[in-house]
């Protein structure tokens, strides 16, 4: 399931743990810009997917992708 605008708090908590693992800190502006890129439908060059359990969305992990054009498509 695609990340939605109301997932910000859960996504931010998980991404912050990821960044802490790598001893990295980012500004609030970077958090906001990154999340907005992930949830903007017009942005097709970055994606985020979350898991859905029943009627609840539980962000227990995320994946990001940046599709690149190839000679195969």
C-alpha atoms as a PDB file:
ATOM      1  CA  UNK A   1       0.000   0.000   0.000  1.00  0.00           C
ATOM      2  CA  UNK A   2       1.289   3.465  -0.842  1.00  0.00           C
ATOM      3  CA  UNK A   3       2.276   5.837   1.924  1.00  0.00           C
ATOM      4  CA  UNK A   4      -0.420   8.462   2.654  1.00  0.00           C
ATOM      5  CA  UNK A   5      -0.246  11.999   4.028  1.00  0.00           C
ATOM      6  CA  UNK A   6      -1.698  10.954   7.395  1.00  0.00           C
ATOM      7  CA  UNK A   7       1.135   8.415   7.875  1.00  0.00           C
ATOM      8  CA  UNK A   8       3.700  11.136   8.619  1.00  0.00           C
ATOM      9  CA  UNK A   9       4.092  10.533  12.373  1.00  0.00           C
ATOM     10  CA  UNK A  10       4.535   6.767  12.018  1.00  0.00           C
ATOM     11  CA  UNK A  11       6.864   7.138   9.040  1.00  0.00           C
ATOM     12  CA  UNK A  12       8.930   9.799  10.801  1.00  0.00           C
ATOM     13  CA  UNK A  13       9.382   7.627  13.908  1.00  0.00           C
ATOM     14  CA  UNK A  14      10.609   4.715  11.812  1.00  0.00           C
ATOM     15  CA  UNK A  15      12.858   6.829   9.593  1.00  0.00           C
ATOM     16  CA  UNK A  16      14.339   8.502  12.661  1.00  0.00           C
ATOM     17  CA  UNK A  17      15.297   5.056  14.042  1.00  0.00           C
ATOM     18  CA  UNK A  18      16.887   4.225  10.690  1.00  0.00           C
ATOM     19  CA  UNK A  19      18.896   7.458  10.714  1.00  0.00           C
ATOM     20  CA  UNK A  20      19.926   6.956  14.350  1.00  0.00           C
ATOM     21  CA  UNK A  21      21.295   3.526  13.447  1.00  0.00           C
ATOM     22  CA  UNK A  22      23.627   5.275  11.004  1.00  0.00           C
ATOM     23  CA  UNK A  23      24.329   8.083  13.510  1.00  0.00           C
ATOM     24  CA  UNK A  24      22.739  10.629  11.161  1.00  0.00           C
ATOM     25  CA  UNK A  25      20.680  13.686  11.979  1.00  0.00           C
ATOM     26  CA  UNK A  26      18.598  15.741   9.555  1.00  0.00           C
ATOM     27  CA  UNK A  27      16.682  18.993   9.846  1.00  0.00           C
ATOM     28  CA  UNK A  28      12.899  19.157  10.152  1.00  0.00           C
ATOM     29  CA  UNK A  29      12.894  20.666   6.663  1.00  0.00           C
ATOM     30  CA  UNK A  30      14.506  17.529   5.221  1.00  0.00           C
ATOM     31  CA  UNK A  31      11.970  15.296   7.002  1.00  0.00           C
ATOM     32  CA  UNK A  32       9.106  17.345   5.542  1.00  0.00           C
ATOM     33  CA  UNK A  33      10.548  17.535   2.010  1.00  0.00           C
ATOM     34  CA  UNK A  34      11.346  13.830   1.887  1.00  0.00           C
ATOM     35  CA  UNK A  35       7.911  12.802   3.127  1.00  0.00           C
ATOM     36  CA  UNK A  36       6.169  15.167   0.709  1.00  0.00           C
ATOM     37  CA  UNK A  37       8.103  13.673  -2.202  1.00  0.00           C
ATOM     38  CA  UNK A  38       7.026  10.194  -1.113  1.00  0.00           C
ATOM     39  CA  UNK A  39       3.309  11.013  -0.919  1.00  0.00           C
ATOM     40  CA  UNK A  40       2.973  13.347  -3.905  1.00  0.00           C
ATOM     41  CA  UNK A  41       1.194  11.497  -6.715  1.00  0.00           C
ATOM     42  CA  UNK A  42       2.920  13.604  -9.374  1.00  0.00           C
ATOM     43  CA  UNK A  43       6.313  12.396  -8.161  1.00  0.00           C
ATOM     44  CA  UNK A  44       6.927   9.119  -9.955  1.00  0.00           C
ATOM     45  CA  UNK A  45      10.679   8.940  -9.386  1.00  0.00           C
ATOM     46  CA  UNK A  46      10.483   8.043  -5.673  1.00  0.00           C
ATOM     47  CA  UNK A  47       8.139   5.593  -3.980  1.00  0.00           C
ATOM     48  CA  UNK A  48       7.389   4.256  -0.503  1.00  0.00           C
ATOM     49  CA  UNK A  49       5.307   1.213   0.361  1.00  0.00           C
ATOM     50  CA  UNK A  50       3.797   0.302   3.741  1.00  0.00           C
ATOM     51  CA  UNK A  51       2.051  -2.802   5.054  1.00  0.00           C
ATOM     52  CA  UNK A  52      -1.659  -2.945   5.845  1.00  0.00           C
ATOM     53  CA  UNK A  53      -3.017  -5.236   8.552  1.00  0.00           C
ATOM     54  CA  UNK A  54      -6.815  -5.520   8.502  1.00  0.00           C
ATOM     55  CA  UNK A  55      -8.220  -2.015   8.459  1.00  0.00           C
ATOM     56  CA  UNK A  56      -5.140  -0.572  10.190  1.00  0.00           C
ATOM     57  CA  UNK A  57      -2.034   0.612   8.467  1.00  0.00           C
ATOM     58  CA  UNK A  58       0.993  -0.428  10.443  1.00  0.00           C
ATOM     59  CA  UNK A  59       4.288   0.997   9.338  1.00  0.00           C
ATOM     60  CA  UNK A  60       6.718  -1.609  10.524  1.00  0.00           C
ATOM     61  CA  UNK A  61       9.126  -1.140   7.673  1.00  0.00           C
ATOM     62  CA  UNK A  62       9.487   0.756   4.465  1.00  0.00           C
ATOM     63  CA  UNK A  63      11.192   0.497   1.178  1.00  0.00           C
ATOM     64  CA  UNK A  64      12.191   3.217  -1.187  1.00  0.00           C
ATOM     65  CA  UNK A  65      12.896   3.030  -4.855  1.00  0.00           C
ATOM     66  CA  UNK A  66      14.123   5.347  -7.532  1.00  0.00           C
ATOM     67  CA  UNK A  67      13.240   3.724 -10.862  1.00  0.00           C
ATOM     68  CA  UNK A  68      15.676   4.473 -13.640  1.00  0.00           C
ATOM     69  CA  UNK A  69      15.028   4.147 -17.349  1.00  0.00           C
ATOM     70  CA  UNK A  70      16.720   1.207 -19.012  1.00  0.00           C
ATOM     71  CA  UNK A  71      17.111  -0.053 -22.526  1.00  0.00           C
ATOM     72  CA  UNK A  72      14.709  -2.900 -21.662  1.00  0.00           C
ATOM     73  CA  UNK A  73      11.577  -0.756 -21.511  1.00  0.00           C
END
